[in-house]
Protein backbone atom coordinates (compact mmCIF):
# COMPACT_ATOMS: atom_id res chain seq x y z
CA MET A 1 29.06 18.36 -10.79
CA LEU A 2 25.58 18.96 -11.80
CA ASN A 3 24.28 22.48 -11.56
CA GLY A 4 21.16 23.50 -9.92
CA ILE A 5 19.09 24.19 -13.07
CA THR A 6 20.39 21.17 -14.89
CA LEU A 7 19.30 19.02 -11.87
CA GLU A 8 15.82 20.41 -11.71
CA LEU A 9 15.56 19.42 -15.53
CA LEU A 10 16.74 16.09 -15.13
CA TRP A 11 14.60 15.55 -12.07
CA ARG A 12 11.34 16.77 -13.85
CA ARG A 13 12.05 14.59 -16.82
CA LEU A 14 12.68 11.63 -14.19
CA ILE A 15 9.20 12.12 -13.00
CA SER A 16 7.47 12.59 -16.12
CA MET A 17 9.21 9.22 -17.29
CA VAL A 18 7.96 7.16 -14.60
CA ASP A 19 4.51 8.78 -14.62
CA GLU A 20 4.10 7.81 -18.38
CA ALA A 21 5.18 4.48 -17.38
CA ALA A 22 2.55 4.51 -14.72
CA ALA A 23 0.01 5.53 -17.40
CA SER A 24 0.82 2.95 -19.85
CA LEU A 25 0.70 0.23 -17.29
CA VAL A 26 -2.90 1.53 -16.55
CA ARG A 27 -3.81 1.56 -20.10
CA THR A 28 -2.62 -2.14 -20.87
CA SER A 29 -3.70 -3.69 -17.71
CA PHE A 30 -6.42 -6.29 -17.50
CA SER A 31 -7.56 -6.22 -13.87
CA SER A 32 -9.82 -3.25 -12.19
CA ILE A 33 -7.05 -3.64 -9.44
CA VAL A 34 -4.51 -1.79 -11.50
CA ARG A 35 -6.79 0.05 -14.07
CA GLU A 36 -9.41 1.19 -11.21
CA SER A 37 -7.74 1.09 -8.00
CA ASN A 38 -4.26 1.99 -8.42
CA ASP A 39 -2.57 -0.70 -6.73
CA PHE A 40 0.89 -0.58 -8.38
CA ALA A 41 4.10 1.17 -8.63
CA CYS A 42 6.65 2.08 -11.14
CA VAL A 43 10.23 3.20 -10.02
CA VAL A 44 13.86 3.77 -11.62
CA THR A 45 17.06 2.98 -9.75
CA ASP A 46 20.67 3.46 -10.42
CA ALA A 47 22.86 0.43 -11.01
CA ARG A 48 23.28 -0.48 -7.51
CA GLY A 49 19.31 -0.65 -6.93
CA HIS A 50 19.13 2.72 -5.24
CA SER A 51 15.95 4.56 -6.09
CA ILE A 52 15.94 7.57 -7.98
CA ALA A 53 12.38 8.60 -8.84
CA GLN A 54 8.96 6.63 -8.69
CA ALA A 55 5.71 7.45 -10.46
CA SER A 56 3.69 10.28 -8.58
CA ASN A 57 0.94 7.78 -7.99
CA SER A 58 2.66 4.72 -6.69
CA ILE A 59 1.58 3.00 -3.40
CA PRO A 60 3.82 4.14 -0.56
CA SER A 61 4.59 0.71 0.53
CA PHE A 62 5.91 -0.17 -2.83
CA ILE A 63 8.29 3.04 -3.05
CA GLY A 64 9.91 1.58 0.02
CA THR A 65 9.99 -2.21 -1.05
CA ALA A 66 10.76 -2.25 -4.67
CA PRO A 67 14.22 -0.78 -4.50
CA ARG A 68 14.95 -3.36 -1.78
CA THR A 69 13.72 -6.14 -4.43
CA ILE A 70 15.72 -4.99 -7.12
CA ARG A 71 18.86 -5.12 -4.85
CA ALA A 72 17.86 -8.95 -4.10
CA PHE A 73 17.68 -9.05 -7.80
CA LEU A 74 21.22 -8.21 -7.95
CA GLU A 75 22.29 -10.28 -5.18
CA ALA A 76 20.74 -13.25 -7.17
CA TYR A 77 21.91 -12.10 -10.38
CA PRO A 78 25.10 -9.87 -10.37
CA GLU A 79 25.95 -7.99 -13.66
CA SER A 80 28.14 -10.78 -15.21
CA GLN A 81 24.76 -12.71 -15.56
CA LEU A 82 22.62 -10.18 -16.94
CA GLN A 83 22.14 -9.09 -20.64
CA GLU A 84 19.77 -6.57 -22.61
CA GLY A 85 16.30 -7.59 -22.65
CA ASP A 86 16.41 -9.56 -19.27
CA VAL A 87 13.54 -9.10 -16.80
CA LEU A 88 13.66 -10.63 -13.27
CA ILE A 89 10.64 -11.40 -11.15
CA THR A 90 9.78 -12.60 -7.58
CA ASN A 91 6.75 -12.40 -5.42
CA ASP A 92 8.92 -13.72 -2.39
CA VAL A 93 7.10 -12.37 0.71
CA TRP A 94 10.29 -11.52 2.48
CA LEU A 95 12.03 -9.92 -0.37
CA GLY A 96 9.12 -8.00 -1.69
CA THR A 97 5.95 -6.52 -0.72
CA GLY A 98 5.10 -8.99 2.19
CA HIS A 99 2.40 -11.00 0.37
CA LEU A 100 2.04 -13.23 -2.64
CA PRO A 101 -0.27 -11.32 -4.72
CA ASP A 102 2.17 -8.36 -5.29
CA ILE A 103 4.55 -9.26 -8.08
CA THR A 104 7.59 -7.20 -8.60
CA VAL A 105 9.74 -7.29 -11.71
CA GLY A 106 12.84 -5.43 -12.77
CA LYS A 107 14.71 -4.66 -15.90
CA PRO A 108 18.33 -3.92 -16.03
CA ILE A 109 19.27 -1.35 -18.34
CA PHE A 110 22.48 -1.48 -20.13
CA LYS A 111 24.46 1.43 -22.14
CA ASP A 112 27.29 0.34 -24.18
CA GLY A 113 27.38 -3.08 -22.70
CA LYS A 114 27.33 -1.40 -19.08
CA LEU A 115 24.59 -1.93 -16.60
CA VAL A 116 23.56 1.75 -15.56
CA ALA A 117 20.20 1.51 -14.14
CA TRP A 118 17.15 -0.45 -13.32
CA ALA A 119 13.38 0.01 -14.25
CA GLY A 120 11.04 -1.30 -11.86
CA SER A 121 7.39 -2.38 -11.27
CA VAL A 122 5.14 -3.63 -8.70
CA ALA A 123 1.58 -4.61 -9.32
CA HIS A 124 -1.18 -6.42 -7.42
CA ALA A 125 -2.17 -9.37 -9.26
CA PRO A 126 -5.85 -10.10 -9.57
CA ASP A 127 -5.30 -13.75 -8.23
CA ILE A 128 -2.37 -15.77 -7.10
CA GLY A 129 -3.83 -19.24 -6.43
CA GLY A 130 -4.37 -20.81 -3.11
CA ARG A 131 -7.25 -20.35 -1.00
CA VAL A 132 -9.47 -17.01 -1.48
CA ARG A 133 -7.19 -14.22 0.48
CA SER A 134 -8.50 -13.70 3.72
CA ALA A 135 -6.99 -13.14 7.05
CA ASP A 136 -7.59 -16.82 8.47
CA ALA A 137 -4.83 -18.54 6.11
CA THR A 138 -2.52 -20.21 8.62
CA SER A 139 0.77 -20.27 6.25
CA VAL A 140 2.06 -18.86 3.48
CA PHE A 141 1.98 -22.26 1.60
CA GLU A 142 -2.20 -21.80 1.71
CA GLU A 143 -1.93 -18.33 -0.07
CA GLY A 144 -0.95 -19.29 -3.30
CA LEU A 145 2.05 -19.67 -5.98
CA GLN A 146 5.32 -18.41 -4.72
CA ILE A 147 7.61 -17.24 -7.50
CA PRO A 148 11.51 -17.19 -6.51
CA VAL A 149 13.83 -14.71 -7.66
CA MET A 150 14.17 -15.80 -11.40
CA LYS A 151 14.56 -14.64 -15.04
CA VAL A 152 10.95 -14.21 -16.57
CA LEU A 153 12.32 -12.68 -19.67
CA ARG A 154 15.87 -13.85 -21.04
CA ALA A 155 17.11 -11.46 -23.61
CA GLY A 156 13.35 -10.38 -24.19
CA VAL A 157 12.31 -13.92 -24.42
CA MET A 158 9.27 -15.06 -21.94
CA ASP A 159 10.06 -18.23 -19.94
CA GLU A 160 7.14 -20.47 -21.26
CA THR A 161 7.72 -22.85 -18.29
CA LEU A 162 6.96 -20.06 -15.93
CA GLU A 163 3.61 -18.80 -17.89
CA ARG A 164 2.34 -22.21 -17.95
CA ILE A 165 2.72 -22.85 -14.14
CA ILE A 166 1.34 -19.36 -13.39
CA ARG A 167 -1.62 -19.99 -15.75
CA LYS A 168 -2.36 -23.17 -14.14
CA ASN A 169 -2.24 -22.16 -10.73
CA VAL A 170 -4.52 -18.99 -10.96
CA ARG A 171 -8.51 -18.55 -11.36
CA VAL A 172 -8.29 -15.87 -14.27
CA PRO A 173 -5.05 -16.57 -15.90
CA ASP A 174 -5.56 -14.10 -18.75
CA GLN A 175 -6.13 -11.39 -16.19
CA VAL A 176 -3.12 -12.35 -14.34
CA MET A 177 -0.59 -12.50 -17.54
CA GLY A 178 -2.42 -9.59 -18.86
CA ASP A 179 -1.30 -7.37 -15.85
CA LEU A 180 2.14 -8.90 -16.08
CA TYR A 181 2.76 -8.09 -19.82
CA ALA A 182 1.07 -4.76 -18.83
CA GLN A 183 4.25 -4.46 -16.37
CA PHE A 184 6.74 -5.26 -19.20
CA THR A 185 5.30 -2.49 -21.17
CA GLY A 186 6.06 -0.10 -18.31
CA LEU A 187 9.55 -1.40 -18.03
CA ALA A 188 10.32 -1.13 -21.51
CA LEU A 189 9.04 2.43 -21.92
CA MET A 190 11.31 3.56 -18.59
CA GLU A 191 14.22 1.91 -20.47
CA ARG A 192 13.68 3.71 -23.53
CA GLN A 193 13.22 7.02 -21.79
CA THR A 194 15.96 6.55 -19.54
CA LEU A 195 18.47 5.91 -22.40
CA SER A 196 17.20 8.76 -24.29
CA LEU A 197 17.57 11.13 -21.29
CA MET A 198 21.20 9.91 -20.80
CA GLN A 199 22.12 10.58 -24.50
CA GLU A 200 20.64 13.68 -24.54
CA TYR A 201 22.44 14.95 -21.39
CA GLY A 202 25.63 13.11 -22.33
CA LEU A 203 25.41 11.06 -19.17
CA GLU A 204 27.70 7.88 -19.35
CA ASP A 205 25.89 6.49 -16.16
CA LEU A 206 23.32 7.58 -13.35
CA GLN A 207 25.57 7.47 -10.36
CA GLU A 208 26.35 10.96 -10.26
CA LEU A 209 22.85 11.86 -10.78
CA SER A 210 21.62 9.38 -8.35
CA LEU A 211 24.04 10.54 -5.67
CA GLU A 212 23.24 14.24 -6.01
CA LEU A 213 19.41 13.64 -5.82
CA ARG A 214 19.70 11.29 -2.75
CA SER A 215 22.28 13.45 -0.77
CA ARG A 216 19.84 16.41 -1.47
CA SER A 217 16.64 14.75 -0.20
CA GLU A 218 18.98 13.21 2.78
CA THR A 219 20.07 16.72 3.64
CA ALA A 220 16.31 17.88 3.77
CA MET A 221 15.12 14.90 5.54
CA ARG A 222 18.06 15.37 8.32
CA ASN A 223 17.62 19.23 8.62
CA ALA A 224 13.71 18.50 9.50
CA ILE A 225 14.74 15.93 11.98
CA ARG A 226 17.54 18.30 13.60
CA ALA A 227 14.59 20.66 14.18
CA LEU A 228 12.85 18.39 16.56
CA PRO A 229 13.92 17.98 20.27
CA ASP A 230 15.81 14.98 21.08
CA GLY A 231 14.04 12.34 23.07
CA THR A 232 11.88 9.09 22.97
CA TYR A 233 8.43 9.52 22.07
CA HIS A 234 6.01 6.46 22.79
CA ALA A 235 2.74 5.27 20.55
CA GLU A 236 0.53 2.25 20.95
CA ALA A 237 -1.97 0.75 18.77
CA ILE A 238 -4.61 -2.04 19.38
CA SER A 239 -5.75 -3.62 16.26
CA ASP A 240 -8.94 -6.24 15.89
CA GLY A 241 -6.95 -9.17 15.54
CA ILE A 242 -8.39 -12.54 14.84
CA ASP A 243 -9.44 -14.25 18.06
CA ALA A 244 -7.98 -11.60 20.23
CA PRO A 245 -6.67 -7.88 19.71
CA ILE A 246 -3.27 -7.35 18.46
CA ARG A 247 -1.20 -4.72 20.49
CA LEU A 248 1.51 -2.84 18.71
CA LYS A 249 4.20 -0.77 20.47
CA MET A 250 6.43 1.73 19.02
CA ALA A 251 9.49 3.83 20.72
CA LEU A 252 10.70 6.63 18.22
CA THR A 253 14.03 7.88 19.43
CA VAL A 254 14.95 11.42 18.01
CA LYS A 255 18.95 11.88 18.10
CA GLY A 256 20.48 14.73 16.39
CA ASP A 257 19.52 14.35 12.57
CA GLU A 258 18.80 10.63 13.09
CA ILE A 259 15.64 8.80 14.15
CA LEU A 260 15.45 5.45 15.53
CA ILE A 261 12.03 3.62 15.47
CA ASP A 262 11.80 0.42 17.82
CA TYR A 263 8.75 -1.80 17.63
CA ALA A 264 9.96 -4.01 20.91
CA GLY A 265 7.01 -5.08 22.96
CA SER A 266 4.82 -5.63 19.87
CA ASP A 267 2.85 -8.85 20.06
CA ALA A 268 4.41 -12.02 18.39
CA GLN A 269 3.67 -13.45 14.87
CA VAL A 270 0.53 -15.40 14.82
CA GLN A 271 -0.35 -18.36 12.98
CA LYS A 272 -3.01 -16.35 10.40
CA SER A 273 -2.24 -14.32 7.64
CA ILE A 274 -1.96 -10.61 9.26
CA ASN A 275 1.72 -10.97 9.84
CA VAL A 276 4.04 -8.11 8.30
CA CYS A 277 7.46 -8.74 7.08
CA LEU A 278 10.33 -6.27 8.11
CA ALA A 279 10.58 -4.77 4.68
CA TYR A 280 6.72 -3.65 4.87
CA THR A 281 7.02 -2.50 8.52
CA THR A 282 10.06 -0.44 7.43
CA ALA A 283 8.61 1.02 4.35
CA TYR A 284 5.05 2.17 6.02
CA THR A 285 7.09 3.41 9.04
CA SER A 286 9.49 5.57 6.76
CA TYR A 287 6.46 6.91 5.08
CA GLY A 288 4.75 8.06 8.21
CA VAL A 289 7.90 9.83 9.28
CA LYS A 290 8.28 11.29 5.89
CA ALA A 291 4.79 12.51 5.51
CA VAL A 292 5.01 14.42 8.69
CA LEU A 293 8.19 15.92 8.49
CA CYS A 294 9.31 16.26 4.97
CA PRO A 295 6.31 15.57 2.70
CA ASP A 296 7.40 17.69 -0.26
CA VAL A 297 11.21 16.43 -0.76
CA PRO A 298 11.46 13.65 -3.79
CA ASN A 299 10.91 10.45 -2.69
CA ASN A 300 14.38 8.48 -2.98
CA ASP A 301 16.57 6.32 -0.98
CA GLY A 302 18.42 9.52 0.15
CA ALA A 303 14.96 10.68 2.41
CA LEU A 304 15.08 7.22 4.06
CA ALA A 305 18.88 7.19 4.93
CA PRO A 306 18.51 8.78 8.45
CA LEU A 307 15.76 6.31 9.52
CA THR A 308 16.30 3.05 11.05
CA VAL A 309 13.53 0.63 11.73
CA ALA A 310 14.00 -2.52 13.95
CA ALA A 311 11.16 -5.03 15.25
CA PRO A 312 12.26 -8.13 17.08
CA LEU A 313 12.43 -11.21 14.97
CA GLY A 314 9.40 -13.33 15.12
CA SER A 315 7.05 -10.65 16.30
CA ILE A 316 3.97 -9.60 14.31
CA LEU A 317 5.92 -6.71 12.60
CA ASN A 318 9.07 -8.60 11.77
CA SER A 319 7.67 -12.44 10.70
CA MET A 320 9.68 -15.49 9.94
CA PRO A 321 8.91 -18.13 7.13
CA PRO A 322 6.47 -19.75 6.93
CA ALA A 323 4.01 -17.25 8.41
CA ALA A 324 0.96 -16.24 6.41
CA GLY A 325 0.94 -12.57 5.25
CA GLY A 326 -1.83 -11.99 2.82
CA ALA A 327 -3.71 -9.58 4.95
CA ARG A 328 -0.74 -7.73 6.23
CA ALA A 329 -1.97 -4.42 5.68
CA LEU A 330 -4.56 -4.93 8.20
CA ILE A 331 -1.71 -4.48 10.71
CA GLY A 332 0.81 -2.71 8.38
CA HIS A 333 -1.57 0.20 7.75
CA PHE A 334 -1.41 1.07 11.83
CA LEU A 335 2.15 1.82 11.69
CA PRO A 336 2.20 5.37 9.85
CA ALA A 337 -0.72 6.32 12.30
CA MET A 338 1.63 5.53 15.23
CA VAL A 339 4.30 7.61 13.94
CA VAL A 340 1.85 10.60 13.66
CA ASN A 341 0.61 9.83 17.40
CA ALA A 342 4.32 9.73 18.22
CA LEU A 343 5.33 12.78 16.69
CA ALA A 344 2.25 14.71 17.62
CA GLN A 345 3.77 15.24 20.94
CA VAL A 346 6.31 17.59 19.66
CA VAL A 347 4.67 18.75 16.25
CA PRO A 348 0.96 18.73 16.87
CA ASP A 349 -0.02 21.13 14.15
CA LYS A 350 1.79 18.61 11.32
CA VAL A 351 -0.34 15.66 12.29
CA ILE A 352 -3.81 14.34 11.78
CA ALA A 353 -6.06 12.22 13.96
CA GLY A 354 -6.70 8.28 13.62
CA VAL A 355 -7.90 7.51 10.03
CA GLY A 356 -10.39 4.79 8.97
CA SER A 357 -7.92 2.53 7.74
CA PRO A 358 -6.60 -0.08 7.43
CA LEU A 359 -7.78 -0.19 3.89
CA TRP A 360 -10.85 -2.25 3.47
CA CYS A 361 -11.48 -4.67 0.43
CA ILE A 362 -13.70 -7.54 -0.62
CA ASN A 363 -12.41 -10.69 -2.46
CA MET A 364 -14.95 -12.80 -4.11
CA ALA A 365 -14.14 -15.83 -6.07
CA GLY A 366 -16.00 -18.81 -7.84
CA THR A 367 -17.33 -20.36 -10.91
CA ARG A 368 -19.82 -18.88 -13.39
CA ALA A 369 -23.02 -20.70 -14.78
CA ASP A 370 -20.95 -21.44 -17.89
CA GLY A 371 -17.95 -23.14 -16.03
CA ARG A 372 -15.79 -20.12 -16.26
CA GLY A 373 -14.05 -19.36 -12.99
CA PHE A 374 -13.93 -15.52 -11.67
CA ALA A 375 -11.78 -13.71 -9.00
CA ASN A 376 -12.37 -10.14 -7.90
CA LEU A 377 -10.81 -7.65 -5.77
CA PHE A 378 -12.73 -4.38 -4.95
CA PHE A 379 -11.40 -1.90 -2.31
CA LEU A 380 -13.43 0.35 0.01
CA ASN A 381 -12.04 3.45 1.98
CA GLY A 382 -12.89 4.90 5.29
CA GLY A 383 -12.90 8.60 6.73
CA TYR A 384 -9.81 10.95 7.06
CA GLY A 385 -8.78 12.05 10.41
CA ALA A 386 -9.23 15.63 11.42
CA SER A 387 -6.30 18.02 11.82
CA ALA A 388 -5.86 21.19 13.95
CA LYS A 389 -7.00 23.23 10.98
CA ALA A 390 -9.68 21.23 9.26
CA ASP A 391 -12.54 18.71 9.13
CA GLY A 392 -11.22 15.28 8.00
CA ILE A 393 -12.36 14.38 4.43
CA ASP A 394 -14.78 11.52 3.64
CA VAL A 395 -14.13 8.27 2.32
CA LEU A 396 -10.38 8.77 1.63
CA SER A 397 -7.55 6.20 1.72
CA TRP A 398 -4.56 6.77 3.97
CA PRO A 399 -1.98 5.64 4.31
CA SER A 400 -2.48 3.58 0.85
CA ASN A 401 -3.42 5.72 -2.15
CA ILE A 402 -5.64 3.37 -3.43
CA SER A 403 -9.08 4.57 -4.69
CA SER A 404 -12.58 2.73 -4.08
CA THR A 405 -13.80 0.75 -6.77
CA PRO A 406 -16.48 2.52 -8.86
CA VAL A 407 -19.80 0.99 -8.69
CA GLU A 408 -20.01 0.53 -12.43
CA ILE A 409 -16.64 -1.71 -12.41
CA ILE A 410 -17.99 -3.93 -9.71
CA GLU A 411 -21.27 -4.81 -11.63
CA GLN A 412 -19.46 -5.17 -14.93
CA VAL A 413 -16.74 -7.55 -13.83
CA ALA A 414 -18.20 -9.46 -10.84
CA PRO A 415 -21.80 -11.24 -10.33
CA LEU A 416 -22.98 -8.51 -7.98
CA LYS A 417 -25.54 -5.98 -7.74
CA VAL A 418 -24.85 -2.70 -6.04
CA HIS A 419 -28.05 -1.54 -4.24
CA TYR A 420 -26.28 1.57 -2.96
CA ARG A 421 -23.35 3.36 -2.06
CA ARG A 422 -23.67 6.23 0.36
CA PHE A 423 -21.94 8.12 3.27
CA ARG A 424 -22.61 6.94 6.54
CA ASP A 425 -24.60 9.07 8.78
CA ILE A 426 -21.95 10.77 10.90
CA GLY A 427 -24.51 11.54 13.78
CA LYS A 428 -22.75 14.40 16.36
CA PRO A 429 -19.46 15.66 15.40
CA ASN A 430 -16.63 14.20 17.21
CA GLY A 431 -14.23 17.12 17.67
CA LEU A 432 -13.64 20.70 17.10
CA HIS A 433 -12.74 19.36 13.81
CA ARG A 434 -14.66 16.19 13.10
CA GLY A 435 -12.99 13.16 11.49
CA GLY A 436 -14.41 12.13 7.86
CA THR A 437 -17.15 9.65 7.37
CA GLY A 438 -16.96 6.24 5.97
CA GLN A 439 -19.12 4.59 3.30
CA GLU A 440 -21.81 2.04 3.29
CA LEU A 441 -22.08 -0.46 0.42
CA MET A 442 -24.76 -3.03 -0.11
CA LEU A 443 -24.12 -5.82 -2.34
CA GLU A 444 -26.23 -8.84 -3.72
CA SER A 445 -24.75 -11.98 -4.97
CA LEU A 446 -25.83 -12.85 -8.64
CA SER A 447 -23.63 -15.83 -8.71
CA GLU A 448 -25.75 -18.90 -9.66
CA ASN A 449 -23.14 -21.20 -8.11
CA PRO A 450 -22.42 -20.45 -4.43
CA ALA A 451 -19.24 -18.24 -4.17
CA THR A 452 -16.41 -17.57 -1.66
CA MET A 453 -16.24 -14.02 -0.09
CA SER A 454 -13.61 -12.79 2.22
CA PHE A 455 -13.12 -9.31 3.46
CA MET A 456 -9.87 -7.36 4.71
CA ALA A 457 -11.61 -5.33 7.38
CA GLU A 458 -10.28 -3.62 10.44
CA ARG A 459 -11.32 -1.33 13.22
CA THR A 460 -14.50 -3.27 13.74
CA ARG A 461 -13.99 -2.96 17.57
CA PRO A 462 -14.53 -0.14 19.88
CA GLU A 463 -11.44 -0.32 21.43
CA SER A 464 -9.72 -0.28 17.96
CA ALA A 465 -11.62 2.71 16.28
CA SER A 466 -9.84 5.36 15.03
CA PRO A 467 -8.47 7.81 17.82
CA GLY A 468 -9.14 11.30 18.26
CA LEU A 469 -6.19 13.87 19.01
CA ALA A 470 -6.26 16.75 21.30
CA GLY A 471 -9.46 16.08 23.13
CA GLY A 472 -11.19 14.64 19.80
CA GLU A 473 -13.15 11.72 20.24
CA SER A 474 -12.94 8.19 18.21
CA GLY A 475 -14.40 7.69 14.85
CA ALA A 476 -17.12 5.24 14.29
CA PRO A 477 -16.10 1.41 14.08
CA GLY A 478 -16.68 -0.33 11.04
CA GLU A 479 -19.19 -3.48 10.87
CA ILE A 480 -20.23 -6.15 8.06
CA LEU A 481 -23.41 -7.99 7.74
CA ILE A 482 -24.64 -10.70 5.74
CA ASP A 483 -28.42 -11.07 5.32
CA GLY A 484 -28.81 -8.68 8.34
CA LYS A 485 -26.41 -10.43 10.75
CA LYS A 486 -22.99 -9.20 11.82
CA ILE A 487 -19.99 -11.74 10.68
CA SER A 488 -16.66 -12.02 11.66
CA PRO A 489 -14.48 -9.80 9.14
CA LYS A 490 -11.52 -12.04 9.23
CA ALA A 491 -13.49 -15.64 8.12
CA GLN A 492 -14.09 -16.58 4.70
CA GLN A 493 -17.94 -16.71 3.90
CA LEU A 494 -20.01 -18.71 1.34
CA VAL A 495 -22.55 -16.46 -0.60
CA LYS A 496 -25.38 -17.99 -2.48
CA LEU A 497 -27.59 -16.33 -5.09
CA GLY A 498 -29.54 -13.60 -3.43
CA THR A 499 -27.41 -13.38 -0.24
CA ARG A 500 -26.86 -9.57 0.70
CA VAL A 501 -23.79 -8.11 2.18
CA LEU A 502 -23.54 -4.73 3.69
CA LEU A 503 -20.10 -3.02 4.59
CA ARG A 504 -19.87 -0.15 6.77
CA THR A 505 -16.07 1.27 6.81
CA PRO A 506 -14.93 3.32 9.71
CA GLY A 507 -15.04 6.94 10.13
CA GLY A 508 -12.01 9.26 11.36
CA GLY A 509 -11.06 10.58 14.68
CA GLY A 510 -11.94 14.03 15.73
CA TYR A 511 -9.29 16.68 16.66
CA GLY A 512 -10.32 18.99 19.70
CA ALA A 513 -13.09 18.95 22.15
CA PRO A 514 -16.40 18.61 20.28
CA GLY A 515 -17.80 21.27 22.20
CA ALA A 516 -15.72 23.64 21.07
CA ARG A 517 -16.76 23.14 17.30
CA SER A 518 -18.22 26.61 15.90
CA ARG A 519 -21.81 27.55 15.02
CA GLU A 520 -20.70 27.92 11.33
CA LEU A 521 -19.26 24.43 11.43
CA LEU A 522 -22.36 22.98 13.01
CA GLU A 523 -24.52 24.83 10.43
CA GLN A 524 -22.54 23.39 7.65
CA ASP A 525 -23.06 19.72 9.09
CA ARG A 526 -26.63 20.53 9.04
CA VAL A 527 -26.68 21.77 5.48
CA ARG A 528 -24.42 18.54 4.33
CA GLY A 529 -26.62 16.29 5.87
CA TYR A 530 -24.38 15.41 8.47
CA SER A 531 -27.02 16.39 11.53
CA LYS A 532 -30.37 17.39 11.56
């Protein structure tokens, strides 16, 4: 039995291990997606694929999906078929994170010939082939290369056939393979550190440690749930959709120390790439519950044990093959906000108003004048929602923790000129506490050849704007203009030399009646330039 002091020391070591692996991944990566925008995760699991610890800056959805993928690795390759130095790989939509650009790798860790743990990593590749990622793909076959569960390294030796296939199918092969090798570096570091930790503390395996950490997290989550009144709490959300809005419905049922979240009544899957697989739905739903009820409890499978997530098969939140899912965040990022809205009925002091997300991004691909291909992905954030205690933060990502790509990086890696990046004019406050403002980004194409540009953009219709809470008003909807004309944010666009693209990300919802905003806060708005 591990005592409290030893457990705390082990926990701190585990976190430092995965954080160091994350730092090594960032330092050795080739793409701006990992290096600048933080679109990755590192995780250590026990031998059965139950998560023990994740890097502090890991993407919330990956924390939920990576252990599931490792368990899928184990189903395909039981311990008898694994050896030291193996690394498994997949980007399967329904076994992984829900879209093809996210590549998951896992390394079995052996001690004295026995499987004792797994090191796992997920990273968003700069390109995965297929059409340039957009919301208007009609099936997964259009979206790029699909990698089944397989060994990418066998006893430390790279599968050269797979590498040739990947290189042949992507626009920027050096970046894609460079990021993949950076993931291998992170896995190797986690392996070394895990074995060192076990030797130092005399651990033959990690099962006792895993069970103790997971049981404590589970107990804390069950206690937090038990403090809520039993009942069913409903929430709805409306996304822009494609040709018509998509409606999402949630029933969150609290019963004792467990919560069931059911999305029955949500719209059916569509023949566009905004469909969400159940793993991604479960990950972001669970994250929403944990963020409200138990934010300080260690992230592992124990905290998720009291939660059950269900969605009708074939619905927009439980898609079936061959549904496209490249833009699944445009739907999936609504789910934590729906959890917040449902729980606001019983814990209004612990929630925030609607956030100016789903996360926005720009995809641009083409051919340079010298014939070299390029493919780039840049992220933008909207405004954070206000709370009962404070204004929302300007330009802050949620529920994902991806950062906005710096201007210097955009101009360095892509044929683009940034004319300006600035806060949106917030106008009058939209609550007792105002929602955070979004940003404006003006780009000009410097590509001598026509290039393809697409956008991941949501909350561009008034009915889907970030909702306020407790009498607060909605945030400002987003919009995209090309050469001064509004365009559909879901369709691919062809941009020529000199084309100008203006993006305005959504603002966050307000909390409380705007008329109740204090004179001090109104003066603060004036001083900061939010109002005149």
